[in-house]
Structures are given as structure tokens and as C-alpha cells.
Amino acid sequence: MPNGLVFLQEAIRAADSVGKILQITPPENDPVRIFGLPRRLHFEYRILTKPYTVVRQVTKDTVSLLTKARKQPSSENRVVLTGRAGCGKSVLMLQAVEHCARDGWVVIYIPRGIKLVDSTSSYIYDLRSQTYLQPGYSFQILQRMLTVNREALQRIQLAEDLVLEKSALPKGTTLEKVIEFTIADKARNVPQAAQILDAVMRALDVQKDFPVLLAVDEFQALYGKSAYRDPHFQTIQPYHLSVPRLIMEYANGKRSFTRGAVIGSLSLSQTNFVLPVELHDALDLEDLDAYPISPFAKRNREMMVYTEGLKKLAVPEKLTLEEAIGVFEVWKGTEVIGTGTASSADNFFYDEAFLGKYTESGGNARDFVWKGILGSLDM
């Protein structure tokens, strides 16, 4: 197996950390275990058997950003990870999530944002809020939040009374008890899960003891067309769905944690949920265009409101040689390539293979692994 350091803040902040291999050893309540992973990353870690990651310069920059965000409202730290397909955005988000989980943050991680808008979960119209509630997905988020953040939620209390259909939870009830109450009577509380999730998030907004990270991969799906339909078979806009609207209100600063950050990550390999024009304009992503976008292309003004104030954090297109060596060493250590011995002939083979695959991939992280190391070498 690769000789990796344990994933710790000190290991990332070290002056010589770029290119170093870090092993993620997730405890039972780790975000990787509970919230899950993006699909491609999940497949990669199944091959590796253990999750490893390599420190890049952009990793250090992101950790520095999060260190400052600990003492600032999330409205000042609303970032979208941008870059070409396969450059490492999802891995960078995972590194940010793991860093925060080990640094005393409350972590809410949604690795597959497309699931919020692809019509795979139940929904029901709520006349009071004039939105479509997603009770099943809201219930899942509450369950996972409790498992990952139980220690923090034991100390955070409801900011106001929570009045439900046949019960009420008074102001001052800990969020741990609120979610346990929700889970205990699942049949009754699942239909009210969206309301309970909103109350829990409002409590997180006003508390000052813990910074909060809201991280969403496949972020562009929230700003495009959803697969949900109303009774007239008209498309339901994402901002009319309860969970996407909740996330988008944090993204545009309408709602804010007292301390924390909101991070989104684009997934440009998703052909069914492409980058929408409104998000493209807000983040000034002309460098990612396959062809120029017409200034006369129709924009959704309501959607543009939810893009206000977003900042981009560009992930480099290419791995540096130092970073690529770290990635290569991960796969070499698992004996996916070569014989695992240290003879001079093997070392020559490794050097030649590394330089060849790095050149063929143009430094793109995904192509380097999947089309380079795994695509043409012995497994």
C-alpha cells in the first residue's frame, strides 16, 4: 500500500506538503462514510480499497480560505470550484470537507447535487410556503447531519419554537433531540421533515459556537432545469423545490451562518445537467466555453438573483509534476502497475510509464488516472 501520512491539518499546512500522499482513515461518523462520495470518486476509491488523496497547492489555498472563514459569516465566503472536466474539483471539495470535519466544524456535504433535481425523490406542494417540499430527501439530510455532527448538535439549541402538526418542540431544545424526535416517529415526521430541516438550519444560522460548512458537488444542477413536473406537466424550477432553494439562499447570501462557508463544485462531465448561462455569467467562465455564448441567449432573471455574490476558485487545469508524482505513487503503492519490487529495471519502467502517461493526459488529473494509469497498464 502507499506510504501516506494521516490526513491532518498539520500535514497539509507543512511547507513541503505539495505532492504528499495523505490517507483518509474515516471513523464511523466521517462524512465520507455517511454522506457518501461523487460517483467517479466512489469507483476510484473502490479500486484503491482505501481512500487516499494528494496535497496540491490549491488544497493549501482552500485550507487557508477555510481558516479565515472560521471567524467570518458564510455570506463572505461563498465559493464555487471551477475548472475543466477532470481537473480535480471533487477531490478538492472532499479535502475541504475532511479538513473541516477534523477541525471542529459542523459539516453538511451533498456529494451528488443532481439527486436534488432529477425527480428521484418524493415531492409535495406546500400552500403555505408556495414551494414543493422534498420530505424524503430532507429526512435523509437530517439523519446524516446527526450522525456526522452529533457532538456539536448536542450543544446547539433551537432558536425559536418548532410547531408541528400534532406536537411542538420549545425554543432551547437541542438539535440532537430535535432530530432524534424526527427519527423516532418516522411515519408521522417524514412529511414534516422539510419544516424540521428549515428549523435546524435556522438554529445553525444564529449559533456562534461552531463554524458551519455547506458543501455541494454537481452545483450547476441547482441552476438549470429540474426533472420535476407540476400537475400540468410544466417544469418546476429548482428555486421552487425546498432543498435546492434552501441551498441557493445560502449561496446568494440571503441566509447566512454566523461563522462558516458555502462551497459548490461544478461537474462539467454531466451532459444532462450542463452549466447554465446564469451561473456561467455570474462566475465569468468564458475560459470554459467550447463555443461563444450569445449575449442574446435567454436568461432567467429569478435565477440570476441566486447567483449574486458567488466567487470562483479556479482549480488548475493540470497537475504539476510534483503533484502528478504523488498521484502516481498512490497507484504504484497499490501494485496496480508494475511488480512492486525496487529493482533498477522496475524503476526505469516506472519512470518511463509516469512520463508517458503524464504527457498523454496533458496533466489532466482524471485522464492521468483513468485513461493513463488504469486505461492501458496491467491491473
Protein backbone atom coordinates (compact mmCIF):
# COMPACT_ATOMS: atom_id res chain seq x y z
CA MET A 1 0.00 0.00 0.00
CA PRO A 2 1.17 3.62 -0.46
CA ASN A 3 3.17 5.17 2.35
CA GLY A 4 0.82 8.03 3.16
CA LEU A 5 0.59 10.40 6.08
CA VAL A 6 -2.60 10.56 8.12
CA PHE A 7 -4.99 13.28 6.89
CA LEU A 8 -4.37 16.09 9.40
CA GLN A 9 -4.34 19.88 9.14
CA GLU A 10 -0.66 19.94 10.12
CA ALA A 11 0.25 17.64 7.25
CA ILE A 12 -1.48 19.94 4.74
CA ARG A 13 -0.03 23.16 6.16
CA ALA A 14 3.56 21.87 6.16
CA ALA A 15 5.85 23.85 3.85
CA ASP A 16 6.79 20.75 1.82
CA SER A 17 3.32 19.19 1.72
CA VAL A 18 2.60 19.66 -2.01
CA GLY A 19 2.69 16.23 -3.66
CA LYS A 20 2.47 14.36 -0.35
CA ILE A 21 0.09 11.40 -0.08
CA LEU A 22 -2.49 11.61 2.72
CA GLN A 23 -4.50 8.59 3.82
CA ILE A 24 -8.08 9.26 4.90
CA THR A 25 -8.88 6.93 7.78
CA PRO A 26 -12.57 7.65 8.24
CA PRO A 27 -14.11 6.97 11.68
CA GLU A 28 -17.66 5.65 11.91
CA ASN A 29 -19.14 9.17 11.74
CA ASP A 30 -16.89 10.50 8.96
CA PRO A 31 -18.59 12.46 6.13
CA VAL A 32 -17.13 10.01 3.58
CA ARG A 33 -18.98 7.12 5.20
CA ILE A 34 -22.24 8.92 5.97
CA PHE A 35 -22.81 11.48 3.19
CA GLY A 36 -21.10 9.38 0.51
CA LEU A 37 -18.97 10.40 -2.47
CA PRO A 38 -19.44 11.59 -6.05
CA ARG A 39 -19.89 8.60 -8.35
CA ARG A 40 -16.50 8.72 -10.11
CA LEU A 41 -14.63 9.21 -6.85
CA HIS A 42 -16.55 6.33 -5.30
CA PHE A 43 -15.42 3.99 -8.10
CA GLU A 44 -11.82 5.18 -7.77
CA TYR A 45 -11.70 4.50 -4.03
CA ARG A 46 -13.25 1.07 -4.52
CA ILE A 47 -10.29 0.16 -6.71
CA LEU A 48 -7.83 1.62 -4.19
CA THR A 49 -9.64 -0.14 -1.27
CA LYS A 50 -8.64 2.80 0.96
CA PRO A 51 -9.21 6.50 0.30
CA TYR A 52 -6.00 8.39 -0.45
CA THR A 53 -5.56 11.95 -1.59
CA VAL A 54 -2.63 14.08 -2.72
CA VAL A 55 -1.96 17.60 -1.46
CA ARG A 56 -1.93 20.25 -4.19
CA GLN A 57 -1.16 23.94 -3.94
CA VAL A 58 -4.87 24.64 -4.42
CA THR A 59 -5.51 22.37 -1.40
CA LYS A 60 -3.35 24.63 0.75
CA ASP A 61 -5.12 27.71 -0.65
CA THR A 62 -8.53 26.23 0.19
CA VAL A 63 -7.46 25.35 3.74
CA SER A 64 -6.22 28.93 4.19
CA LEU A 65 -9.60 30.21 2.97
CA LEU A 66 -11.43 27.95 5.44
CA THR A 67 -9.16 29.03 8.28
CA LYS A 68 -10.21 32.64 7.70
CA ALA A 69 -13.85 31.60 7.28
CA ARG A 70 -13.92 30.16 10.81
CA LYS A 71 -14.31 33.70 12.14
CA GLN A 72 -16.42 35.20 9.35
CA PRO A 73 -20.07 34.87 8.28
CA SER A 74 -20.70 32.47 5.42
CA SER A 75 -22.09 35.36 3.35
CA GLU A 76 -18.46 36.49 2.95
CA ASN A 77 -17.25 33.02 1.97
CA ARG A 78 -19.41 31.76 -0.90
CA VAL A 79 -17.13 29.98 -3.32
CA VAL A 80 -17.63 27.81 -6.40
CA LEU A 81 -14.82 25.49 -7.52
CA THR A 82 -14.40 25.89 -11.27
CA GLY A 83 -12.17 24.34 -13.89
CA ARG A 84 -12.25 21.96 -16.82
CA ALA A 85 -13.69 18.45 -16.50
CA GLY A 86 -11.35 16.10 -14.65
CA CYS A 87 -9.09 18.76 -13.12
CA GLY A 88 -9.81 17.62 -9.54
CA LYS A 89 -12.67 19.76 -8.24
CA SER A 90 -14.50 16.93 -6.46
CA VAL A 91 -11.30 15.75 -4.79
CA LEU A 92 -10.57 19.30 -3.64
CA MET A 93 -14.08 19.54 -2.17
CA LEU A 94 -13.56 16.23 -0.37
CA GLN A 95 -10.30 17.57 1.07
CA ALA A 96 -12.15 20.67 2.31
CA VAL A 97 -14.88 18.53 3.89
CA GLU A 98 -12.37 16.23 5.60
CA HIS A 99 -10.38 19.23 6.85
CA CYS A 100 -13.47 20.82 8.39
CA ALA A 101 -14.66 17.54 9.93
CA ARG A 102 -11.33 17.30 11.76
CA ASP A 103 -11.26 20.98 12.69
CA GLY A 104 -14.44 21.18 14.76
CA TRP A 105 -16.89 22.36 12.08
CA VAL A 106 -20.49 21.31 11.56
CA VAL A 107 -20.34 19.68 8.13
CA ILE A 108 -23.23 19.32 5.66
CA TYR A 109 -21.98 17.63 2.49
CA ILE A 110 -24.09 16.80 -0.56
CA PRO A 111 -21.83 14.90 -2.99
CA ARG A 112 -24.47 14.32 -5.68
CA GLY A 113 -26.36 17.56 -6.17
CA ILE A 114 -28.10 16.21 -9.27
CA LYS A 115 -30.16 13.96 -6.99
CA LEU A 116 -31.88 17.09 -5.68
CA VAL A 117 -33.38 17.94 -9.07
CA ASP A 118 -33.59 14.68 -11.06
CA SER A 119 -37.04 13.70 -9.79
CA THR A 120 -35.83 10.63 -7.89
CA SER A 121 -37.30 11.65 -4.52
CA SER A 122 -40.87 12.36 -3.48
CA TYR A 123 -42.27 15.90 -3.54
CA ILE A 124 -45.48 17.60 -2.49
CA TYR A 125 -46.80 21.13 -2.92
CA ASP A 126 -46.97 23.26 0.23
CA LEU A 127 -49.53 26.06 0.02
CA ARG A 128 -48.05 27.93 2.98
CA SER A 129 -44.56 28.37 1.51
CA GLN A 130 -45.68 28.04 -2.14
CA THR A 131 -42.85 25.61 -2.82
CA TYR A 132 -42.61 21.89 -3.48
CA LEU A 133 -41.33 20.13 -0.37
CA GLN A 134 -38.95 17.17 -0.62
CA PRO A 135 -39.69 15.31 2.62
CA GLY A 136 -37.74 12.14 1.86
CA TYR A 137 -34.50 13.93 0.97
CA SER A 138 -34.92 16.37 3.88
CA PHE A 139 -35.24 13.41 6.25
CA GLN A 140 -32.05 11.85 4.86
CA ILE A 141 -30.11 15.08 5.36
CA LEU A 142 -31.28 15.30 8.98
CA GLN A 143 -30.25 11.69 9.67
CA ARG A 144 -26.81 12.17 8.17
CA MET A 145 -26.27 15.54 9.86
CA LEU A 146 -26.91 13.93 13.25
CA THR A 147 -24.55 11.01 12.63
CA VAL A 148 -21.68 13.22 11.45
CA ASN A 149 -22.15 16.18 13.84
CA ARG A 150 -23.70 14.65 16.98
CA GLU A 151 -21.25 16.25 19.44
CA ALA A 152 -21.90 19.74 18.09
CA LEU A 153 -25.67 19.27 17.80
CA GLN A 154 -25.80 18.29 21.48
CA ARG A 155 -24.78 21.87 22.28
CA ILE A 156 -26.78 23.82 19.69
CA GLN A 157 -30.39 24.73 20.53
CA LEU A 158 -33.50 25.70 18.60
CA ALA A 159 -33.66 29.46 18.10
CA GLU A 160 -37.47 29.50 18.22
CA ASP A 161 -40.40 27.20 18.93
CA LEU A 162 -40.95 24.49 16.34
CA VAL A 163 -44.69 23.87 15.91
CA LEU A 164 -45.53 20.68 14.04
CA GLU A 165 -48.82 19.09 13.06
CA LYS A 166 -49.60 17.30 16.34
CA SER A 167 -46.69 18.31 18.54
CA ALA A 168 -44.36 21.18 19.34
CA LEU A 169 -40.72 21.47 20.37
CA PRO A 170 -39.94 24.51 22.52
CA LYS A 171 -37.17 27.01 21.95
CA GLY A 172 -33.99 25.77 23.63
CA THR A 173 -34.40 22.11 22.65
CA THR A 174 -31.05 20.76 21.44
CA LEU A 175 -30.80 19.92 17.76
CA GLU A 176 -29.76 16.39 18.70
CA LYS A 177 -33.12 15.89 20.43
CA VAL A 178 -35.00 17.54 17.56
CA ILE A 179 -33.55 15.13 15.00
CA GLU A 180 -33.88 12.12 17.30
CA PHE A 181 -37.54 13.05 17.78
CA THR A 182 -37.92 13.19 14.00
CA ILE A 183 -36.33 9.78 13.50
CA ALA A 184 -38.20 8.12 16.38
CA ASP A 185 -41.62 8.66 14.80
CA LYS A 186 -40.65 8.36 11.16
CA ALA A 187 -44.12 7.69 9.78
CA ARG A 188 -45.50 10.93 11.22
CA ASN A 189 -42.44 13.15 10.86
CA VAL A 190 -41.18 12.39 7.35
CA PRO A 191 -43.97 14.51 5.79
CA GLN A 192 -42.83 17.36 8.07
CA ALA A 193 -39.09 16.80 7.53
CA ALA A 194 -38.68 19.86 5.28
CA GLN A 195 -40.08 22.11 8.01
CA ILE A 196 -37.86 20.47 10.63
CA LEU A 197 -34.77 20.81 8.41
CA ASP A 198 -35.52 24.51 7.95
CA ALA A 199 -35.78 24.98 11.73
CA VAL A 200 -32.49 23.13 12.28
CA MET A 201 -30.74 25.28 9.68
CA ARG A 202 -32.10 28.47 11.26
CA ALA A 203 -30.64 27.35 14.57
CA LEU A 204 -27.28 26.80 12.86
CA ASP A 205 -27.56 30.29 11.32
CA VAL A 206 -27.63 32.10 14.66
CA GLN A 207 -25.36 29.96 16.87
CA LYS A 208 -21.79 31.18 17.31
CA ASP A 209 -20.04 28.18 18.88
CA PHE A 210 -19.30 26.21 15.71
CA PRO A 211 -18.42 27.20 12.14
CA VAL A 212 -20.63 25.51 9.55
CA LEU A 213 -19.60 24.18 6.13
CA LEU A 214 -22.26 23.64 3.48
CA ALA A 215 -20.61 21.80 0.57
CA VAL A 216 -22.48 20.77 -2.59
CA ASP A 217 -20.97 18.91 -5.55
CA GLU A 218 -22.60 18.98 -9.00
CA PHE A 219 -23.57 22.50 -8.01
CA GLN A 220 -24.56 23.60 -11.52
CA ALA A 221 -27.58 21.26 -11.44
CA LEU A 222 -29.30 23.59 -8.96
CA TYR A 223 -29.27 26.43 -11.50
CA GLY A 224 -30.55 24.54 -14.53
CA LYS A 225 -33.81 22.81 -15.37
CA SER A 226 -35.10 20.24 -12.91
CA ALA A 227 -36.71 16.95 -13.96
CA TYR A 228 -39.66 17.57 -11.62
CA ARG A 229 -43.05 18.39 -13.14
CA ASP A 230 -46.15 20.09 -11.74
CA PRO A 231 -49.71 18.73 -12.26
CA HIS A 232 -49.81 20.49 -15.65
CA PHE A 233 -46.54 18.77 -16.60
CA GLN A 234 -44.66 22.07 -16.58
CA THR A 235 -41.06 22.07 -15.39
CA ILE A 236 -40.66 23.00 -11.72
CA GLN A 237 -37.81 25.47 -11.29
CA PRO A 238 -35.13 24.42 -8.74
CA TYR A 239 -35.87 27.51 -6.62
CA HIS A 240 -39.42 26.19 -6.17
CA LEU A 241 -38.07 22.94 -4.64
CA SER A 242 -37.42 23.09 -0.90
CA VAL A 243 -33.89 21.66 -0.65
CA PRO A 244 -32.37 23.36 -3.73
CA ARG A 245 -33.98 26.66 -2.68
CA LEU A 246 -32.51 26.30 0.82
CA ILE A 247 -29.02 25.78 -0.60
CA MET A 248 -29.40 28.60 -3.13
CA GLU A 249 -30.44 31.04 -0.40
CA TYR A 250 -27.14 30.33 1.37
CA ALA A 251 -25.32 30.58 -1.96
CA ASN A 252 -26.61 34.09 -2.69
CA GLY A 253 -26.24 35.31 0.90
CA LYS A 254 -29.95 35.68 1.66
CA ARG A 255 -29.33 33.28 4.52
CA SER A 256 -26.01 33.08 6.29
CA PHE A 257 -24.25 31.18 9.05
CA THR A 258 -22.71 33.41 11.71
CA ARG A 259 -19.43 31.58 11.09
CA GLY A 260 -18.71 29.36 8.16
CA ALA A 261 -18.56 28.90 4.41
CA VAL A 262 -20.60 27.69 1.44
CA ILE A 263 -18.69 25.78 -1.24
CA GLY A 264 -20.08 24.49 -4.52
CA SER A 265 -18.29 22.46 -7.16
CA LEU A 266 -19.12 22.30 -10.86
CA SER A 267 -19.29 18.93 -12.61
CA LEU A 268 -18.81 19.66 -16.29
CA SER A 269 -18.83 16.00 -17.35
CA GLN A 270 -22.58 15.78 -16.65
CA THR A 271 -24.17 16.07 -20.08
CA ASN A 272 -27.77 16.04 -18.78
CA PHE A 273 -27.12 18.93 -16.40
CA VAL A 274 -24.80 21.29 -18.23
CA LEU A 275 -23.51 24.62 -16.96
CA PRO A 276 -26.44 27.09 -17.16
CA VAL A 277 -25.96 30.52 -18.70
CA GLU A 278 -26.88 32.37 -15.48
CA LEU A 279 -24.12 30.66 -13.49
CA HIS A 280 -21.69 31.00 -16.39
CA ASP A 281 -22.22 34.78 -16.44
CA ALA A 282 -22.04 35.19 -12.66
CA LEU A 283 -18.71 33.36 -12.42
CA ASP A 284 -17.26 34.77 -15.67
CA LEU A 285 -16.40 31.34 -17.09
CA GLU A 286 -15.61 32.32 -20.67
CA ASP A 287 -12.40 30.28 -20.48
CA LEU A 288 -14.51 27.09 -20.22
CA ASP A 289 -16.57 27.78 -23.34
CA ALA A 290 -16.45 25.23 -26.14
CA TYR A 291 -18.02 27.98 -28.26
CA PRO A 292 -19.06 31.60 -27.54
CA ILE A 293 -22.37 32.09 -25.74
CA SER A 294 -24.60 34.64 -27.41
CA PRO A 295 -25.38 37.77 -25.40
CA PHE A 296 -28.92 37.35 -26.72
CA ALA A 297 -29.34 33.92 -25.11
CA LYS A 298 -32.32 33.97 -22.76
CA ARG A 299 -31.54 34.48 -19.07
CA ASN A 300 -33.85 33.66 -16.17
CA ARG A 301 -33.95 36.82 -14.02
CA GLU A 302 -35.19 34.98 -10.94
CA MET A 303 -32.34 32.50 -11.28
CA MET A 304 -29.82 35.31 -11.64
CA VAL A 305 -30.80 36.56 -8.18
CA TYR A 306 -29.50 33.30 -6.69
CA THR A 307 -26.08 33.73 -8.33
CA GLU A 308 -25.36 37.14 -6.79
CA GLY A 309 -22.11 37.39 -4.86
CA LEU A 310 -20.71 33.98 -5.79
CA LYS A 311 -16.93 33.89 -6.20
CA LYS A 312 -14.97 31.35 -8.18
CA LEU A 313 -11.95 29.40 -7.03
CA ALA A 314 -10.29 28.14 -10.20
CA VAL A 315 -8.74 24.68 -9.91
CA PRO A 316 -5.65 24.42 -12.17
CA GLU A 317 -6.19 22.51 -15.41
CA LYS A 318 -3.01 20.49 -14.98
CA LEU A 319 -1.26 18.67 -12.19
CA THR A 320 2.25 19.93 -11.62
CA LEU A 321 4.99 17.30 -11.92
CA GLU A 322 5.26 17.23 -8.13
CA GLU A 323 1.52 16.64 -7.72
CA ALA A 324 1.41 14.05 -10.52
CA ILE A 325 4.23 12.08 -8.91
CA GLY A 326 2.16 11.89 -5.73
CA VAL A 327 -0.86 10.56 -7.67
CA PHE A 328 1.34 8.03 -9.49
CA GLU A 329 2.86 6.84 -6.20
CA VAL A 330 -0.63 6.13 -4.83
CA TRP A 331 -1.38 3.71 -7.66
CA LYS A 332 2.14 2.31 -7.70
CA GLY A 333 1.83 1.56 -3.97
CA THR A 334 -1.32 -0.50 -4.56
CA GLU A 335 0.64 -2.57 -7.12
CA VAL A 336 -1.89 -1.73 -9.81
CA ILE A 337 1.13 -1.21 -12.03
CA GLY A 338 4.47 -2.99 -12.07
CA THR A 339 5.67 -5.78 -9.81
CA GLY A 340 6.00 -3.87 -6.57
CA THR A 341 9.77 -4.54 -6.38
CA ALA A 342 12.50 -1.94 -6.25
CA SER A 343 14.91 -3.24 -8.90
CA SER A 344 16.59 -0.83 -11.30
CA ALA A 345 14.62 -2.33 -14.20
CA ASP A 346 11.35 -1.66 -12.39
CA ASN A 347 12.41 1.88 -11.54
CA PHE A 348 13.13 2.52 -15.21
CA PHE A 349 9.70 1.10 -16.10
CA TYR A 350 8.02 3.37 -13.54
CA ASP A 351 9.84 6.49 -14.75
CA GLU A 352 9.02 5.77 -18.38
CA ALA A 353 5.39 4.94 -17.59
CA PHE A 354 4.93 8.05 -15.47
CA LEU A 355 6.35 10.48 -18.03
CA GLY A 356 4.46 8.81 -20.87
CA LYS A 357 1.07 8.87 -19.16
CA TYR A 358 1.56 12.38 -17.78
CA THR A 359 2.35 13.66 -21.28
CA GLU A 360 -0.53 11.76 -22.92
CA SER A 361 -3.06 13.14 -20.42
CA GLY A 362 -1.80 16.71 -20.71
CA GLY A 363 -1.65 16.81 -16.91
CA ASN A 364 -5.43 16.40 -16.50
CA ALA A 365 -5.91 14.55 -13.22
CA ARG A 366 -8.81 12.30 -14.29
CA ASP A 367 -7.28 11.40 -17.65
CA PHE A 368 -3.94 10.72 -15.99
CA VAL A 369 -5.56 8.11 -13.72
CA TRP A 370 -8.37 6.61 -15.81
CA LYS A 371 -7.06 6.84 -19.38
CA GLY A 372 -3.40 6.70 -18.41
CA ILE A 373 -2.60 4.53 -15.40
CA LEU A 374 -5.76 2.39 -15.40
CA GLY A 375 -6.58 2.57 -19.08
CA SER A 376 -3.52 0.98 -20.61
CA LEU A 377 -1.38 -0.63 -17.91
CA ASP A 378 -1.74 -4.07 -16.33
CA MET A 379 -4.22 -4.27 -13.46
